[in-house]
N, C-alpha and C. Protein backbone atom coordinates (compact mmCIF):
# COMPACT_ATOMS: atom_id res chain seq x y z
N MET A 1 2.01 0.79 -16.23
CA MET A 1 0.94 0.21 -15.42
C MET A 1 1.43 0.03 -14.00
N ILE A 2 0.56 0.22 -13.04
CA ILE A 2 0.87 0.07 -11.64
C ILE A 2 1.13 -1.41 -11.36
N ARG A 3 2.22 -1.70 -10.68
CA ARG A 3 2.59 -3.10 -10.43
C ARG A 3 2.48 -3.51 -8.97
N SER A 4 2.72 -2.62 -8.04
CA SER A 4 2.73 -3.02 -6.63
C SER A 4 1.38 -2.79 -5.98
N SER A 5 1.13 -3.53 -4.91
CA SER A 5 -0.13 -3.36 -4.21
C SER A 5 -0.17 -2.02 -3.49
N LYS A 6 0.98 -1.51 -3.03
CA LYS A 6 1.01 -0.19 -2.40
C LYS A 6 0.61 0.86 -3.43
N ALA A 7 1.08 0.67 -4.68
CA ALA A 7 0.72 1.62 -5.73
C ALA A 7 -0.78 1.54 -6.02
N TYR A 8 -1.36 0.34 -6.00
CA TYR A 8 -2.79 0.23 -6.24
C TYR A 8 -3.56 0.90 -5.11
N SER A 9 -3.09 0.74 -3.91
CA SER A 9 -3.71 1.42 -2.78
C SER A 9 -3.62 2.94 -2.97
N THR A 10 -2.48 3.37 -3.47
CA THR A 10 -2.29 4.79 -3.75
C THR A 10 -3.27 5.27 -4.81
N LEU A 11 -3.54 4.44 -5.82
CA LEU A 11 -4.47 4.86 -6.86
C LEU A 11 -5.85 5.09 -6.28
N LEU A 12 -6.25 4.28 -5.33
CA LEU A 12 -7.54 4.51 -4.69
C LEU A 12 -7.52 5.80 -3.88
N ALA A 13 -6.40 6.06 -3.26
CA ALA A 13 -6.27 7.29 -2.49
C ALA A 13 -6.36 8.50 -3.40
N VAL A 14 -5.67 8.46 -4.51
CA VAL A 14 -5.71 9.62 -5.41
C VAL A 14 -7.09 9.80 -6.01
N ALA A 15 -7.77 8.71 -6.27
CA ALA A 15 -9.13 8.83 -6.76
C ALA A 15 -9.99 9.56 -5.73
N ALA A 16 -9.77 9.24 -4.48
CA ALA A 16 -10.50 9.94 -3.42
C ALA A 16 -10.17 11.41 -3.42
N VAL A 17 -8.91 11.73 -3.60
CA VAL A 17 -8.49 13.14 -3.62
C VAL A 17 -9.16 13.88 -4.76
N LEU A 18 -9.12 13.31 -5.94
CA LEU A 18 -9.59 14.01 -7.12
C LEU A 18 -11.09 13.97 -7.31
N PHE A 19 -11.76 12.99 -6.76
CA PHE A 19 -13.16 12.82 -7.07
C PHE A 19 -14.10 12.82 -5.89
N SER A 20 -13.62 13.07 -4.70
CA SER A 20 -14.56 12.98 -3.58
C SER A 20 -14.29 13.99 -2.47
N GLN A 21 -14.05 15.20 -2.83
CA GLN A 21 -13.82 16.25 -1.84
C GLN A 21 -12.79 15.80 -0.82
N LEU A 22 -11.69 15.27 -1.35
CA LEU A 22 -10.57 14.84 -0.52
C LEU A 22 -11.00 13.83 0.54
N ALA A 23 -11.86 12.92 0.12
CA ALA A 23 -12.32 11.79 0.93
C ALA A 23 -13.19 12.17 2.12
N PHE A 24 -13.61 13.41 2.19
CA PHE A 24 -14.49 13.79 3.29
C PHE A 24 -15.94 13.48 2.94
N ALA A 25 -16.25 13.47 1.66
CA ALA A 25 -17.58 13.11 1.19
C ALA A 25 -17.50 12.81 -0.30
N ASP A 26 -17.96 11.65 -0.69
CA ASP A 26 -17.92 11.29 -2.10
C ASP A 26 -19.10 11.94 -2.80
N THR A 27 -18.83 12.82 -3.75
CA THR A 27 -19.90 13.46 -4.49
C THR A 27 -20.23 12.66 -5.74
N ALA A 28 -19.24 12.01 -6.34
CA ALA A 28 -19.46 11.21 -7.54
C ALA A 28 -18.25 10.35 -7.79
N ALA A 29 -18.51 9.23 -8.42
CA ALA A 29 -17.40 8.37 -8.82
C ALA A 29 -16.86 8.89 -10.15
N PRO A 30 -15.61 8.57 -10.47
CA PRO A 30 -15.11 8.93 -11.79
C PRO A 30 -16.05 8.35 -12.85
N LYS A 31 -16.27 9.08 -13.94
CA LYS A 31 -17.21 8.64 -14.99
C LYS A 31 -17.03 7.18 -15.37
N PRO A 32 -15.80 6.72 -15.65
CA PRO A 32 -15.65 5.32 -16.05
C PRO A 32 -16.00 4.32 -14.95
N CYS A 33 -16.19 4.80 -13.74
CA CYS A 33 -16.49 3.90 -12.61
C CYS A 33 -17.96 3.93 -12.19
N GLU A 34 -18.74 4.80 -12.80
CA GLU A 34 -20.14 4.93 -12.36
C GLU A 34 -20.91 3.62 -12.43
N ALA A 35 -20.78 2.88 -13.54
CA ALA A 35 -21.50 1.61 -13.67
C ALA A 35 -21.01 0.60 -12.64
N ASP A 36 -19.69 0.60 -12.39
CA ASP A 36 -19.14 -0.32 -11.39
C ASP A 36 -19.71 -0.01 -10.01
N VAL A 37 -19.80 1.25 -9.69
CA VAL A 37 -20.32 1.65 -8.38
C VAL A 37 -21.78 1.22 -8.25
N LYS A 38 -22.57 1.46 -9.29
CA LYS A 38 -23.99 1.07 -9.24
C LYS A 38 -24.15 -0.43 -9.10
N LYS A 39 -23.30 -1.18 -9.78
CA LYS A 39 -23.40 -2.64 -9.77
C LYS A 39 -22.78 -3.27 -8.53
N LEU A 40 -21.58 -2.82 -8.17
CA LEU A 40 -20.81 -3.49 -7.12
C LEU A 40 -21.00 -2.89 -5.73
N CYS A 41 -21.40 -1.64 -5.68
CA CYS A 41 -21.45 -0.95 -4.38
C CYS A 41 -22.85 -0.43 -4.07
N LYS A 42 -23.85 -1.08 -4.61
CA LYS A 42 -25.24 -0.70 -4.36
C LYS A 42 -25.48 -0.73 -2.85
N GLY A 43 -26.08 0.33 -2.36
CA GLY A 43 -26.39 0.40 -0.93
C GLY A 43 -25.28 0.99 -0.07
N ILE A 44 -24.11 1.22 -0.66
CA ILE A 44 -23.01 1.84 0.09
C ILE A 44 -23.27 3.34 0.15
N LYS A 45 -23.31 3.86 1.34
CA LYS A 45 -23.56 5.29 1.52
C LYS A 45 -22.26 6.06 1.25
N PRO A 46 -22.28 7.00 0.30
CA PRO A 46 -21.06 7.77 0.00
C PRO A 46 -20.60 8.59 1.20
N GLY A 47 -19.32 8.80 1.26
CA GLY A 47 -18.72 9.61 2.31
C GLY A 47 -17.52 8.91 2.92
N GLY A 48 -16.50 9.69 3.19
CA GLY A 48 -15.31 9.16 3.84
C GLY A 48 -14.56 8.13 3.03
N GLY A 49 -14.76 8.15 1.71
CA GLY A 49 -14.06 7.20 0.85
C GLY A 49 -14.73 5.82 0.80
N ALA A 50 -15.97 5.70 1.27
CA ALA A 50 -16.65 4.40 1.34
C ALA A 50 -16.78 3.74 -0.03
N ILE A 51 -17.07 4.53 -1.04
CA ILE A 51 -17.22 3.98 -2.39
C ILE A 51 -15.88 3.41 -2.86
N LEU A 52 -14.82 4.14 -2.63
CA LEU A 52 -13.50 3.67 -3.06
C LEU A 52 -13.07 2.43 -2.29
N ILE A 53 -13.42 2.36 -1.03
CA ILE A 53 -13.12 1.16 -0.25
C ILE A 53 -13.89 -0.03 -0.83
N CYS A 54 -15.14 0.20 -1.19
CA CYS A 54 -15.94 -0.85 -1.81
C CYS A 54 -15.27 -1.34 -3.09
N LEU A 55 -14.86 -0.41 -3.95
CA LEU A 55 -14.20 -0.80 -5.20
C LEU A 55 -12.91 -1.56 -4.93
N GLU A 56 -12.18 -1.12 -3.94
CA GLU A 56 -10.93 -1.80 -3.57
C GLU A 56 -11.20 -3.24 -3.15
N GLN A 57 -12.25 -3.44 -2.39
CA GLN A 57 -12.58 -4.78 -1.90
C GLN A 57 -13.07 -5.70 -3.01
N LYS A 58 -13.49 -5.12 -4.12
CA LYS A 58 -14.02 -5.91 -5.23
C LYS A 58 -13.19 -5.72 -6.49
N THR A 59 -11.89 -5.53 -6.31
CA THR A 59 -10.98 -5.25 -7.40
C THR A 59 -11.12 -6.22 -8.56
N ASP A 60 -11.32 -7.49 -8.25
CA ASP A 60 -11.41 -8.51 -9.30
C ASP A 60 -12.64 -8.35 -10.18
N LYS A 61 -13.62 -7.56 -9.73
CA LYS A 61 -14.85 -7.37 -10.50
C LYS A 61 -14.95 -5.97 -11.13
N VAL A 62 -14.01 -5.09 -10.83
CA VAL A 62 -14.03 -3.72 -11.34
C VAL A 62 -13.67 -3.74 -12.82
N SER A 63 -14.38 -2.97 -13.62
CA SER A 63 -14.17 -2.94 -15.06
C SER A 63 -12.78 -2.42 -15.41
N ALA A 64 -12.32 -2.79 -16.58
CA ALA A 64 -11.02 -2.35 -17.07
C ALA A 64 -10.99 -0.83 -17.22
N ALA A 65 -12.09 -0.24 -17.68
CA ALA A 65 -12.14 1.21 -17.88
C ALA A 65 -12.00 1.95 -16.55
N CYS A 66 -12.64 1.45 -15.52
CA CYS A 66 -12.55 2.07 -14.20
C CYS A 66 -11.13 1.94 -13.66
N LYS A 67 -10.58 0.72 -13.75
CA LYS A 67 -9.21 0.52 -13.28
C LYS A 67 -8.24 1.42 -14.02
N GLU A 68 -8.42 1.56 -15.32
CA GLU A 68 -7.53 2.42 -16.11
C GLU A 68 -7.62 3.88 -15.66
N SER A 69 -8.83 4.35 -15.43
CA SER A 69 -9.03 5.72 -14.98
C SER A 69 -8.35 5.96 -13.64
N LEU A 70 -8.55 5.03 -12.71
CA LEU A 70 -7.95 5.16 -11.39
C LEU A 70 -6.43 5.04 -11.47
N THR A 71 -5.96 4.17 -12.33
CA THR A 71 -4.51 3.98 -12.49
C THR A 71 -3.86 5.27 -13.01
N GLU A 72 -4.49 5.93 -13.96
CA GLU A 72 -3.95 7.20 -14.47
C GLU A 72 -3.82 8.21 -13.34
N LYS A 73 -4.82 8.28 -12.49
CA LYS A 73 -4.78 9.22 -11.37
C LYS A 73 -3.68 8.82 -10.38
N ALA A 74 -3.55 7.53 -10.15
CA ALA A 74 -2.52 7.05 -9.22
C ALA A 74 -1.13 7.37 -9.73
N GLN A 75 -0.92 7.19 -11.02
CA GLN A 75 0.38 7.48 -11.59
C GLN A 75 0.71 8.96 -11.44
N ALA A 76 -0.29 9.81 -11.55
CA ALA A 76 -0.06 11.24 -11.37
C ALA A 76 0.36 11.56 -9.94
N VAL A 77 -0.33 10.98 -8.96
CA VAL A 77 0.03 11.26 -7.57
C VAL A 77 1.37 10.63 -7.23
N GLU A 78 1.64 9.45 -7.75
CA GLU A 78 2.93 8.83 -7.49
C GLU A 78 4.07 9.66 -8.07
N GLY A 79 3.83 10.22 -9.25
CA GLY A 79 4.85 11.06 -9.86
C GLY A 79 5.18 12.27 -9.01
N ALA A 80 4.16 12.82 -8.38
CA ALA A 80 4.35 14.02 -7.57
C ALA A 80 4.71 13.70 -6.11
N CYS A 81 4.21 12.59 -5.59
CA CYS A 81 4.29 12.35 -4.15
C CYS A 81 5.02 11.08 -3.72
N LYS A 82 5.58 10.32 -4.64
CA LYS A 82 6.23 9.07 -4.25
C LYS A 82 7.28 9.26 -3.16
N PRO A 83 8.16 10.26 -3.26
CA PRO A 83 9.14 10.43 -2.17
C PRO A 83 8.47 10.69 -0.82
N ASP A 84 7.36 11.41 -0.84
CA ASP A 84 6.63 11.70 0.39
C ASP A 84 5.95 10.45 0.93
N ILE A 85 5.38 9.66 0.03
CA ILE A 85 4.75 8.40 0.45
C ILE A 85 5.80 7.50 1.07
N ASP A 86 6.96 7.41 0.40
CA ASP A 86 8.04 6.58 0.94
C ASP A 86 8.55 7.10 2.28
N LYS A 87 8.64 8.40 2.41
CA LYS A 87 9.18 9.01 3.62
C LYS A 87 8.22 8.94 4.80
N PHE A 88 6.97 9.31 4.56
CA PHE A 88 6.02 9.44 5.66
C PHE A 88 5.11 8.22 5.86
N CYS A 89 4.93 7.43 4.81
CA CYS A 89 3.89 6.40 4.85
C CYS A 89 4.41 5.00 4.57
N ALA A 90 5.70 4.81 4.64
CA ALA A 90 6.30 3.51 4.30
C ALA A 90 5.78 2.37 5.17
N THR A 91 5.44 2.65 6.40
CA THR A 91 4.99 1.60 7.31
C THR A 91 3.47 1.53 7.44
N VAL A 92 2.78 2.35 6.66
CA VAL A 92 1.32 2.38 6.71
C VAL A 92 0.75 1.15 6.00
N LYS A 93 -0.18 0.49 6.64
CA LYS A 93 -0.84 -0.67 6.05
C LYS A 93 -1.68 -0.19 4.87
N GLU A 94 -1.57 -0.91 3.77
CA GLU A 94 -2.27 -0.53 2.55
C GLU A 94 -3.77 -0.75 2.67
N GLY A 95 -4.50 0.02 1.88
CA GLY A 95 -5.94 -0.16 1.76
C GLY A 95 -6.75 0.79 2.61
N GLU A 96 -8.02 0.88 2.23
CA GLU A 96 -9.03 1.68 2.93
C GLU A 96 -8.62 3.13 3.12
N GLY A 97 -7.88 3.67 2.16
CA GLY A 97 -7.54 5.08 2.17
C GLY A 97 -6.50 5.49 3.19
N ARG A 98 -5.80 4.52 3.78
CA ARG A 98 -4.83 4.85 4.83
C ARG A 98 -3.65 5.66 4.31
N ILE A 99 -3.24 5.43 3.08
CA ILE A 99 -2.12 6.20 2.53
C ILE A 99 -2.54 7.65 2.34
N LEU A 100 -3.76 7.85 1.86
CA LEU A 100 -4.29 9.21 1.73
C LEU A 100 -4.33 9.89 3.09
N GLN A 101 -4.82 9.18 4.09
CA GLN A 101 -4.88 9.76 5.43
C GLN A 101 -3.49 10.09 5.94
N CYS A 102 -2.54 9.22 5.65
CA CYS A 102 -1.15 9.47 6.06
C CYS A 102 -0.62 10.74 5.41
N LEU A 103 -0.82 10.85 4.10
CA LEU A 103 -0.36 12.06 3.41
C LEU A 103 -1.02 13.30 3.98
N ALA A 104 -2.31 13.21 4.26
CA ALA A 104 -3.03 14.36 4.81
C ALA A 104 -2.42 14.80 6.14
N LYS A 105 -2.00 13.83 6.96
CA LYS A 105 -1.38 14.17 8.24
C LYS A 105 -0.05 14.89 8.06
N HIS A 106 0.58 14.68 6.94
CA HIS A 106 1.90 15.26 6.69
C HIS A 106 1.85 16.38 5.65
N GLU A 107 0.69 16.94 5.44
CA GLU A 107 0.52 17.97 4.41
C GLU A 107 1.51 19.12 4.60
N ALA A 108 1.73 19.55 5.81
CA ALA A 108 2.64 20.68 6.06
C ALA A 108 4.10 20.34 5.76
N GLU A 109 4.41 19.04 5.77
CA GLU A 109 5.80 18.60 5.57
C GLU A 109 6.08 18.11 4.15
N MET A 110 5.08 18.13 3.29
CA MET A 110 5.23 17.60 1.93
C MET A 110 6.29 18.35 1.14
N SER A 111 6.86 17.63 0.18
CA SER A 111 7.78 18.26 -0.76
C SER A 111 7.00 19.26 -1.61
N ALA A 112 7.71 20.14 -2.27
CA ALA A 112 7.06 21.17 -3.09
C ALA A 112 6.19 20.54 -4.19
N ASP A 113 6.70 19.50 -4.86
CA ASP A 113 5.94 18.86 -5.94
C ASP A 113 4.65 18.24 -5.41
N CYS A 114 4.76 17.52 -4.31
CA CYS A 114 3.58 16.87 -3.75
C CYS A 114 2.60 17.91 -3.22
N LYS A 115 3.11 18.93 -2.59
CA LYS A 115 2.24 19.99 -2.04
C LYS A 115 1.47 20.67 -3.17
N ALA A 116 2.14 20.91 -4.29
CA ALA A 116 1.48 21.54 -5.44
C ALA A 116 0.38 20.63 -5.99
N PHE A 117 0.69 19.35 -6.12
CA PHE A 117 -0.29 18.39 -6.62
C PHE A 117 -1.47 18.29 -5.65
N TRP A 118 -1.17 18.17 -4.38
CA TRP A 118 -2.19 18.06 -3.34
C TRP A 118 -3.11 19.28 -3.35
N GLY A 119 -2.51 20.45 -3.44
CA GLY A 119 -3.30 21.68 -3.47
C GLY A 119 -4.21 21.74 -4.69
N ALA A 120 -3.69 21.33 -5.85
CA ALA A 120 -4.50 21.33 -7.06
C ALA A 120 -5.65 20.34 -6.94
N ALA A 121 -5.38 19.19 -6.36
CA ALA A 121 -6.43 18.18 -6.16
C ALA A 121 -7.52 18.70 -5.23
N LYS A 122 -7.12 19.36 -4.16
CA LYS A 122 -8.10 19.92 -3.23
C LYS A 122 -8.95 20.99 -3.92
N SER A 123 -8.32 21.81 -4.74
CA SER A 123 -9.05 22.85 -5.45
C SER A 123 -10.07 22.25 -6.41
N LYS A 124 -9.65 21.20 -7.14
CA LYS A 124 -10.56 20.52 -8.06
C LYS A 124 -11.73 19.90 -7.31
N ALA A 125 -11.44 19.31 -6.17
CA ALA A 125 -12.50 18.67 -5.38
C ALA A 125 -13.49 19.70 -4.87
N LYS A 126 -13.00 20.84 -4.39
CA LYS A 126 -13.88 21.90 -3.90
C LYS A 126 -14.74 22.44 -5.03
N ALA A 127 -14.15 22.63 -6.21
CA ALA A 127 -14.90 23.14 -7.37
C ALA A 127 -15.97 22.14 -7.79
N ALA A 128 -15.63 20.85 -7.76
CA ALA A 128 -16.59 19.83 -8.16
C ALA A 128 -17.76 19.74 -7.18
N ALA A 129 -17.52 20.11 -5.94
CA ALA A 129 -18.56 20.02 -4.92
C ALA A 129 -19.58 21.15 -5.04
N LYS A 130 -19.23 22.21 -5.74
CA LYS A 130 -20.14 23.36 -5.85
C LYS A 130 -21.18 23.17 -6.91
């Protein structure tokens, strides 16, 4: 289970990568989060990670199923990108997708493992958008 707040911030970032066209436009929330989004983020216009920011701001009200889904995604990105997050984003303030934005700025400098994960996430996001 994710223990640090930076890791939780990372989980929101990875959710954006995998489920929202790399945070440029949210097409859909992860299935386990759909009810949370409808209930907690009603009126939030999707795009730019807005839905994920909303969920982050209401963490105490997010369902266990949604948190678990996002945590699984975060653990995957941490497994592939933790050294890159530590190297490039150690001083980045947590929340609101800033870690994702930091990683995006350093895409060309990523380690092979992180670059492979990042590329796969982008491909999945593009496929989901079609």
